[in-house]
Amino acid sequence: MSEINSLKLENQKLRNYILLIFSEIEFSNRVDEIKQNFQDSPDSQRIIVPILDRLSKIKSEKLDLEKELNLNQNDNL
């Protein structure tokens, strides 16, 4: 693979990583909002569970990219 193609691929992975970070923040905020607005509602869990499932997938994808791109801060110390 050429160096340019390699850089393009790495750039795309970094963009995906950034999008995952934004998504993680957004979903976490949504869960907090739902918990505040539906504190004693039985619907709260029904609404939150799919969001938490997606949040878990996002975190997993993000972790995979961190490893692939050597972004783990502990390894760099």
PDB file of N, CA and C in Angstrom:
ATOM      1  N   MET A   1       0.845  -1.170   0.000  1.00  0.00           N
ATOM      2  CA  MET A   1       0.000   0.000   0.000  1.00  0.00           C
ATOM      3  C   MET A   1       0.897   1.243   0.000  1.00  0.00           C
ATOM      4  N   SER A   2       0.549   2.220  -0.801  1.00  0.00           N
ATOM      5  CA  SER A   2       1.363   3.427  -0.872  1.00  0.00           C
ATOM      6  C   SER A   2       1.222   4.232   0.418  1.00  0.00           C
ATOM      7  N   GLU A   3       2.174   5.095   0.620  1.00  0.00           N
ATOM      8  CA  GLU A   3       2.165   5.914   1.827  1.00  0.00           C
ATOM      9  C   GLU A   3       0.942   6.830   1.846  1.00  0.00           C
ATOM     10  N   ILE A   4       0.562   7.358   0.702  1.00  0.00           N
ATOM     11  CA  ILE A   4      -0.610   8.237   0.625  1.00  0.00           C
ATOM     12  C   ILE A   4      -1.867   7.467   0.987  1.00  0.00           C
ATOM     13  N   ASN A   5      -2.020   6.283   0.450  1.00  0.00           N
ATOM     14  CA  ASN A   5      -3.191   5.465   0.784  1.00  0.00           C
ATOM     15  C   ASN A   5      -3.205   5.090   2.259  1.00  0.00           C
ATOM     16  N   SER A   6      -2.048   4.819   2.782  1.00  0.00           N
ATOM     17  CA  SER A   6      -1.940   4.482   4.199  1.00  0.00           C
ATOM     18  C   SER A   6      -2.361   5.676   5.071  1.00  0.00           C
ATOM     19  N   LEU A   7      -1.921   6.858   4.687  1.00  0.00           N
ATOM     20  CA  LEU A   7      -2.296   8.063   5.426  1.00  0.00           C
ATOM     21  C   LEU A   7      -3.789   8.350   5.305  1.00  0.00           C
ATOM     22  N   LYS A   8      -4.339   8.128   4.143  1.00  0.00           N
ATOM     23  CA  LYS A   8      -5.778   8.323   3.951  1.00  0.00           C
ATOM     24  C   LYS A   8      -6.572   7.377   4.840  1.00  0.00           C
ATOM     25  N   LEU A   9      -6.142   6.151   4.896  1.00  0.00           N
ATOM     26  CA  LEU A   9      -6.813   5.163   5.733  1.00  0.00           C
ATOM     27  C   LEU A   9      -6.719   5.533   7.209  1.00  0.00           C
ATOM     28  N   GLU A  10      -5.542   5.935   7.626  1.00  0.00           N
ATOM     29  CA  GLU A  10      -5.363   6.349   9.023  1.00  0.00           C
ATOM     30  C   GLU A  10      -6.209   7.585   9.323  1.00  0.00           C
ATOM     31  N   ASN A  11      -6.256   8.514   8.395  1.00  0.00           N
ATOM     32  CA  ASN A  11      -7.074   9.715   8.558  1.00  0.00           C
ATOM     33  C   ASN A  11      -8.549   9.339   8.714  1.00  0.00           C
ATOM     34  N   GLN A  12      -9.015   8.416   7.902  1.00  0.00           N
ATOM     35  CA  GLN A  12     -10.409   7.989   7.994  1.00  0.00           C
ATOM     36  C   GLN A  12     -10.688   7.319   9.340  1.00  0.00           C
ATOM     37  N   LYS A  13      -9.763   6.531   9.811  1.00  0.00           N
ATOM     38  CA  LYS A  13      -9.929   5.880  11.110  1.00  0.00           C
ATOM     39  C   LYS A  13      -9.965   6.908  12.239  1.00  0.00           C
ATOM     40  N   LEU A  14      -9.134   7.923  12.126  1.00  0.00           N
ATOM     41  CA  LEU A  14      -9.145   8.983  13.138  1.00  0.00           C
ATOM     42  C   LEU A  14     -10.460   9.760  13.108  1.00  0.00           C
ATOM     43  N   ARG A  15     -10.982  10.017  11.927  1.00  0.00           N
ATOM     44  CA  ARG A  15     -12.275  10.687  11.810  1.00  0.00           C
ATOM     45  C   ARG A  15     -13.372   9.829  12.438  1.00  0.00           C
ATOM     46  N   ASN A  16     -13.331   8.545  12.178  1.00  0.00           N
ATOM     47  CA  ASN A  16     -14.303   7.634  12.785  1.00  0.00           C
ATOM     48  C   ASN A  16     -14.181   7.643  14.305  1.00  0.00           C
ATOM     49  N   TYR A  17     -12.958   7.667  14.785  1.00  0.00           N
ATOM     50  CA  TYR A  17     -12.713   7.702  16.219  1.00  0.00           C
ATOM     51  C   TYR A  17     -13.335   8.960  16.835  1.00  0.00           C
ATOM     52  N   ILE A  18     -13.134  10.092  16.180  1.00  0.00           N
ATOM     53  CA  ILE A  18     -13.693  11.356  16.664  1.00  0.00           C
ATOM     54  C   ILE A  18     -15.216  11.295  16.672  1.00  0.00           C
ATOM     55  N   LEU A  19     -15.799  10.750  15.622  1.00  0.00           N
ATOM     56  CA  LEU A  19     -17.258  10.605  15.570  1.00  0.00           C
ATOM     57  C   LEU A  19     -17.772   9.707  16.691  1.00  0.00           C
ATOM     58  N   LEU A  20     -17.031   8.665  16.992  1.00  0.00           N
ATOM     59  CA  LEU A  20     -17.420   7.781  18.090  1.00  0.00           C
ATOM     60  C   LEU A  20     -17.377   8.516  19.431  1.00  0.00           C
ATOM     61  N   ILE A  21     -16.386   9.353  19.605  1.00  0.00           N
ATOM     62  CA  ILE A  21     -16.292  10.143  20.843  1.00  0.00           C
ATOM     63  C   ILE A  21     -17.507  11.062  20.967  1.00  0.00           C
ATOM     64  N   PHE A  22     -17.828  11.771  19.894  1.00  0.00           N
ATOM     65  CA  PHE A  22     -18.996  12.653  19.925  1.00  0.00           C
ATOM     66  C   PHE A  22     -20.278  11.866  20.175  1.00  0.00           C
ATOM     67  N   SER A  23     -20.392  10.716  19.552  1.00  0.00           N
ATOM     68  CA  SER A  23     -21.579   9.879  19.750  1.00  0.00           C
ATOM     69  C   SER A  23     -21.678   9.401  21.191  1.00  0.00           C
ATOM     70  N   GLU A  24     -20.556   9.003  21.742  1.00  0.00           N
ATOM     71  CA  GLU A  24     -20.535   8.545  23.135  1.00  0.00           C
ATOM     72  C   GLU A  24     -21.000   9.659  24.076  1.00  0.00           C
ATOM     73  N   ILE A  25     -20.513  10.848  23.858  1.00  0.00           N
ATOM     74  CA  ILE A  25     -20.909  11.993  24.688  1.00  0.00           C
ATOM     75  C   ILE A  25     -22.398  12.264  24.532  1.00  0.00           C
ATOM     76  N   GLU A  26     -22.862  12.266  23.294  1.00  0.00           N
ATOM     77  CA  GLU A  26     -24.275  12.558  23.024  1.00  0.00           C
ATOM     78  C   GLU A  26     -25.201  11.511  23.657  1.00  0.00           C
ATOM     79  N   PHE A  27     -24.884  10.248  23.478  1.00  0.00           N
ATOM     80  CA  PHE A  27     -25.716   9.192  24.064  1.00  0.00           C
ATOM     81  C   PHE A  27     -25.679   9.242  25.589  1.00  0.00           C
ATOM     82  N   SER A  28     -24.523   9.520  26.160  1.00  0.00           N
ATOM     83  CA  SER A  28     -24.418   9.629  27.621  1.00  0.00           C
ATOM     84  C   SER A  28     -25.275  10.784  28.138  1.00  0.00           C
ATOM     85  N   ASN A  29     -25.241  11.899  27.421  1.00  0.00           N
ATOM     86  CA  ASN A  29     -26.077  13.036  27.803  1.00  0.00           C
ATOM     87  C   ASN A  29     -27.558  12.694  27.711  1.00  0.00           C
ATOM     88  N   ARG A  30     -27.936  11.966  26.682  1.00  0.00           N
ATOM     89  CA  ARG A  30     -29.340  11.570  26.516  1.00  0.00           C
ATOM     90  C   ARG A  30     -29.801  10.681  27.671  1.00  0.00           C
ATOM     91  N   VAL A  31     -28.967   9.761  28.056  1.00  0.00           N
ATOM     92  CA  VAL A  31     -29.307   8.874  29.173  1.00  0.00           C
ATOM     93  C   VAL A  31     -29.498   9.698  30.445  1.00  0.00           C
ATOM     94  N   ASP A  32     -28.607  10.639  30.682  1.00  0.00           N
ATOM     95  CA  ASP A  32     -28.731  11.500  31.868  1.00  0.00           C
ATOM     96  C   ASP A  32     -30.028  12.309  31.832  1.00  0.00           C
ATOM     97  N   GLU A  33     -30.346  12.843  30.659  1.00  0.00           N
ATOM     98  CA  GLU A  33     -31.577  13.621  30.520  1.00  0.00           C
ATOM     99  C   GLU A  33     -32.815  12.760  30.778  1.00  0.00           C
ATOM    100  N   ILE A  34     -32.813  11.573  30.225  1.00  0.00           N
ATOM    101  CA  ILE A  34     -33.952  10.663  30.418  1.00  0.00           C
ATOM    102  C   ILE A  34     -34.093  10.309  31.890  1.00  0.00           C
ATOM    103  N   LYS A  35     -32.981  10.026  32.536  1.00  0.00           N
ATOM    104  CA  LYS A  35     -33.031   9.689  33.970  1.00  0.00           C
ATOM    105  C   LYS A  35     -33.587  10.838  34.784  1.00  0.00           C
ATOM    106  N   GLN A  36     -33.236  12.062  34.414  1.00  0.00           N
ATOM    107  CA  GLN A  36     -33.738  13.231  35.143  1.00  0.00           C
ATOM    108  C   GLN A  36     -35.228  13.453  34.881  1.00  0.00           C
ATOM    109  N   ASN A  37     -35.623  13.278  33.633  1.00  0.00           N
ATOM    110  CA  ASN A  37     -37.006  13.585  33.245  1.00  0.00           C
ATOM    111  C   ASN A  37     -38.004  12.464  33.563  1.00  0.00           C
ATOM    112  N   PHE A  38     -37.513  11.258  33.711  1.00  0.00           N
ATOM    113  CA  PHE A  38     -38.391  10.115  33.967  1.00  0.00           C
ATOM    114  C   PHE A  38     -37.933   9.366  35.214  1.00  0.00           C
ATOM    115  N   GLN A  39     -37.647  10.090  36.253  1.00  0.00           N
ATOM    116  CA  GLN A  39     -37.041   9.514  37.449  1.00  0.00           C
ATOM    117  C   GLN A  39     -37.787   8.305  37.998  1.00  0.00           C
ATOM    118  N   ASP A  40     -39.072   8.423  38.169  1.00  0.00           N
ATOM    119  CA  ASP A  40     -39.825   7.340  38.789  1.00  0.00           C
ATOM    120  C   ASP A  40     -40.735   6.620  37.798  1.00  0.00           C
ATOM    121  N   SER A  41     -40.417   6.758  36.542  1.00  0.00           N
ATOM    122  CA  SER A  41     -41.269   6.168  35.516  1.00  0.00           C
ATOM    123  C   SER A  41     -40.784   4.769  35.144  1.00  0.00           C
ATOM    124  N   PRO A  42     -41.718   3.806  35.015  1.00  0.00           N
ATOM    125  CA  PRO A  42     -41.323   2.472  34.562  1.00  0.00           C
ATOM    126  C   PRO A  42     -40.822   2.491  33.114  1.00  0.00           C
ATOM    127  N   ASP A  43     -41.193   3.528  32.369  1.00  0.00           N
ATOM    128  CA  ASP A  43     -40.735   3.637  30.980  1.00  0.00           C
ATOM    129  C   ASP A  43     -39.267   4.014  30.879  1.00  0.00           C
ATOM    130  N   SER A  44     -38.729   4.522  31.957  1.00  0.00           N
ATOM    131  CA  SER A  44     -37.339   4.961  31.942  1.00  0.00           C
ATOM    132  C   SER A  44     -36.395   3.854  31.468  1.00  0.00           C
ATOM    133  N   GLN A  45     -36.484   2.700  32.064  1.00  0.00           N
ATOM    134  CA  GLN A  45     -35.606   1.588  31.685  1.00  0.00           C
ATOM    135  C   GLN A  45     -35.855   1.135  30.250  1.00  0.00           C
ATOM    136  N   ARG A  46     -37.106   1.114  29.869  1.00  0.00           N
ATOM    137  CA  ARG A  46     -37.442   0.701  28.506  1.00  0.00           C
ATOM    138  C   ARG A  46     -36.808   1.637  27.484  1.00  0.00           C
ATOM    139  N   ILE A  47     -36.729   2.905  27.831  1.00  0.00           N
ATOM    140  CA  ILE A  47     -36.134   3.888  26.932  1.00  0.00           C
ATOM    141  C   ILE A  47     -34.609   3.836  26.991  1.00  0.00           C
ATOM    142  N   ILE A  48     -34.073   3.665  28.176  1.00  0.00           N
ATOM    143  CA  ILE A  48     -32.625   3.750  28.377  1.00  0.00           C
ATOM    144  C   ILE A  48     -31.871   2.511  27.887  1.00  0.00           C
ATOM    145  N   VAL A  49     -32.431   1.348  28.040  1.00  0.00           N
ATOM    146  CA  VAL A  49     -31.701   0.113  27.716  1.00  0.00           C
ATOM    147  C   VAL A  49     -31.161   0.088  26.283  1.00  0.00           C
ATOM    148  N   PRO A  50     -31.961   0.411  25.264  1.00  0.00           N
ATOM    149  CA  PRO A  50     -31.392   0.393  23.906  1.00  0.00           C
ATOM    150  C   PRO A  50     -30.279   1.432  23.713  1.00  0.00           C
ATOM    151  N   ILE A  51     -30.408   2.551  24.407  1.00  0.00           N
ATOM    152  CA  ILE A  51     -29.372   3.578  24.308  1.00  0.00           C
ATOM    153  C   ILE A  51     -28.091   3.080  24.964  1.00  0.00           C
ATOM    154  N   LEU A  52     -28.217   2.440  26.105  1.00  0.00           N
ATOM    155  CA  LEU A  52     -27.042   1.892  26.784  1.00  0.00           C
ATOM    156  C   LEU A  52     -26.388   0.776  25.962  1.00  0.00           C
ATOM    157  N   ASP A  53     -27.203  -0.009  25.277  1.00  0.00           N
ATOM    158  CA  ASP A  53     -26.659  -1.045  24.397  1.00  0.00           C
ATOM    159  C   ASP A  53     -25.831  -0.422  23.278  1.00  0.00           C
ATOM    160  N   ARG A  54     -26.369   0.621  22.688  1.00  0.00           N
ATOM    161  CA  ARG A  54     -25.644   1.307  21.615  1.00  0.00           C
ATOM    162  C   ARG A  54     -24.396   1.968  22.161  1.00  0.00           C
ATOM    163  N   LEU A  55     -24.491   2.535  23.330  1.00  0.00           N
ATOM    164  CA  LEU A  55     -23.343   3.166  23.969  1.00  0.00           C
ATOM    165  C   LEU A  55     -22.232   2.148  24.221  1.00  0.00           C
ATOM    166  N   SER A  56     -22.603   0.967  24.623  1.00  0.00           N
ATOM    167  CA  SER A  56     -21.629  -0.100  24.830  1.00  0.00           C
ATOM    168  C   SER A  56     -20.922  -0.469  23.524  1.00  0.00           C
ATOM    169  N   LYS A  57     -21.674  -0.543  22.445  1.00  0.00           N
ATOM    170  CA  LYS A  57     -21.080  -0.849  21.137  1.00  0.00           C
ATOM    171  C   LYS A  57     -20.129   0.257  20.689  1.00  0.00           C
ATOM    172  N   ILE A  58     -20.525   1.482  20.932  1.00  0.00           N
ATOM    173  CA  ILE A  58     -19.673   2.623  20.579  1.00  0.00           C
ATOM    174  C   ILE A  58     -18.358   2.555  21.354  1.00  0.00           C
ATOM    175  N   LYS A  59     -18.448   2.282  22.635  1.00  0.00           N
ATOM    176  CA  LYS A  59     -17.238   2.189  23.457  1.00  0.00           C
ATOM    177  C   LYS A  59     -16.325   1.069  22.976  1.00  0.00           C
ATOM    178  N   SER A  60     -16.916  -0.034  22.582  1.00  0.00           N
ATOM    179  CA  SER A  60     -16.135  -1.157  22.077  1.00  0.00           C
ATOM    180  C   SER A  60     -15.437  -0.788  20.758  1.00  0.00           C
ATOM    181  N   GLU A  61     -16.170  -0.166  19.859  1.00  0.00           N
ATOM    182  CA  GLU A  61     -15.585   0.276  18.583  1.00  0.00           C
ATOM    183  C   GLU A  61     -14.462   1.278  18.831  1.00  0.00           C
ATOM    184  N   LYS A  62     -14.699   2.176  19.766  1.00  0.00           N
ATOM    185  CA  LYS A  62     -13.704   3.193  20.094  1.00  0.00           C
ATOM    186  C   LYS A  62     -12.444   2.553  20.658  1.00  0.00           C
ATOM    187  N   LEU A  63     -12.611   1.587  21.525  1.00  0.00           N
ATOM    188  CA  LEU A  63     -11.473   0.885  22.099  1.00  0.00           C
ATOM    189  C   LEU A  63     -10.670   0.157  21.023  1.00  0.00           C
ATOM    190  N   ASP A  64     -11.363  -0.479  20.093  1.00  0.00           N
ATOM    191  CA  ASP A  64     -10.685  -1.160  18.985  1.00  0.00           C
ATOM    192  C   ASP A  64      -9.845  -0.180  18.170  1.00  0.00           C
ATOM    193  N   LEU A  65     -10.416   0.984  17.879  1.00  0.00           N
ATOM    194  CA  LEU A  65      -9.670   1.985  17.121  1.00  0.00           C
ATOM    195  C   LEU A  65      -8.503   2.544  17.924  1.00  0.00           C
ATOM    196  N   GLU A  66      -8.695   2.722  19.223  1.00  0.00           N
ATOM    197  CA  GLU A  66      -7.598   3.192  20.068  1.00  0.00           C
ATOM    198  C   GLU A  66      -6.417   2.236  19.985  1.00  0.00           C
ATOM    199  N   LYS A  67      -6.708   0.967  20.048  1.00  0.00           N
ATOM    200  CA  LYS A  67      -5.644  -0.039  19.967  1.00  0.00           C
ATOM    201  C   LYS A  67      -4.991  -0.027  18.597  1.00  0.00           C
ATOM    202  N   GLU A  68      -5.815   0.011  17.568  1.00  0.00           N
ATOM    203  CA  GLU A  68      -5.315  -0.026  16.200  1.00  0.00           C
ATOM    204  C   GLU A  68      -4.456   1.193  15.873  1.00  0.00           C
ATOM    205  N   LEU A  69      -4.843   2.342  16.409  1.00  0.00           N
ATOM    206  CA  LEU A  69      -4.131   3.586  16.118  1.00  0.00           C
ATOM    207  C   LEU A  69      -3.111   3.944  17.198  1.00  0.00           C
ATOM    208  N   ASN A  70      -2.927   3.048  18.150  1.00  0.00           N
ATOM    209  CA  ASN A  70      -1.980   3.268  19.247  1.00  0.00           C
ATOM    210  C   ASN A  70      -2.295   4.557  19.995  1.00  0.00           C
ATOM    211  N   LEU A  71      -3.537   4.721  20.357  1.00  0.00           N
ATOM    212  CA  LEU A  71      -3.972   5.931  21.060  1.00  0.00           C
ATOM    213  C   LEU A  71      -4.096   5.732  22.559  1.00  0.00           C
ATOM    214  N   ASN A  72      -3.771   4.570  23.030  1.00  0.00           N
ATOM    215  CA  ASN A  72      -3.871   4.310  24.451  1.00  0.00           C
ATOM    216  C   ASN A  72      -2.829   5.145  25.193  1.00  0.00           C
ATOM    217  N   GLN A  73      -3.305   6.050  26.029  1.00  0.00           N
ATOM    218  CA  GLN A  73      -2.413   6.983  26.727  1.00  0.00           C
ATOM    219  C   GLN A  73      -1.474   6.274  27.676  1.00  0.00           C
ATOM    220  N   ASN A  74      -1.913   5.215  28.304  1.00  0.00           N
ATOM    221  CA  ASN A  74      -1.057   4.510  29.268  1.00  0.00           C
ATOM    222  C   ASN A  74       0.149   3.893  28.595  1.00  0.00           C
ATOM    223  N   ASP A  75      -0.002   3.468  27.352  1.00  0.00           N
ATOM    224  CA  ASP A  75       1.109   2.869  26.633  1.00  0.00           C
ATOM    225  C   ASP A  75       2.148   3.897  26.225  1.00  0.00           C
ATOM    226  N   ASN A  76       1.739   5.151  26.113  1.00  0.00           N
ATOM    227  CA  ASN A  76       2.629   6.197  25.649  1.00  0.00           C
ATOM    228  C   ASN A  76       3.421   6.849  26.770  1.00  0.00           C
ATOM    229  N   LEU A  77       3.155   6.485  27.993  1.00  0.00           N
ATOM    230  CA  LEU A  77       3.863   7.093  29.127  1.00  0.00           C
ATOM    231  C   LEU A  77       5.156   6.396  29.415  1.00  0.00           C
TER     232      LEU A  77
END
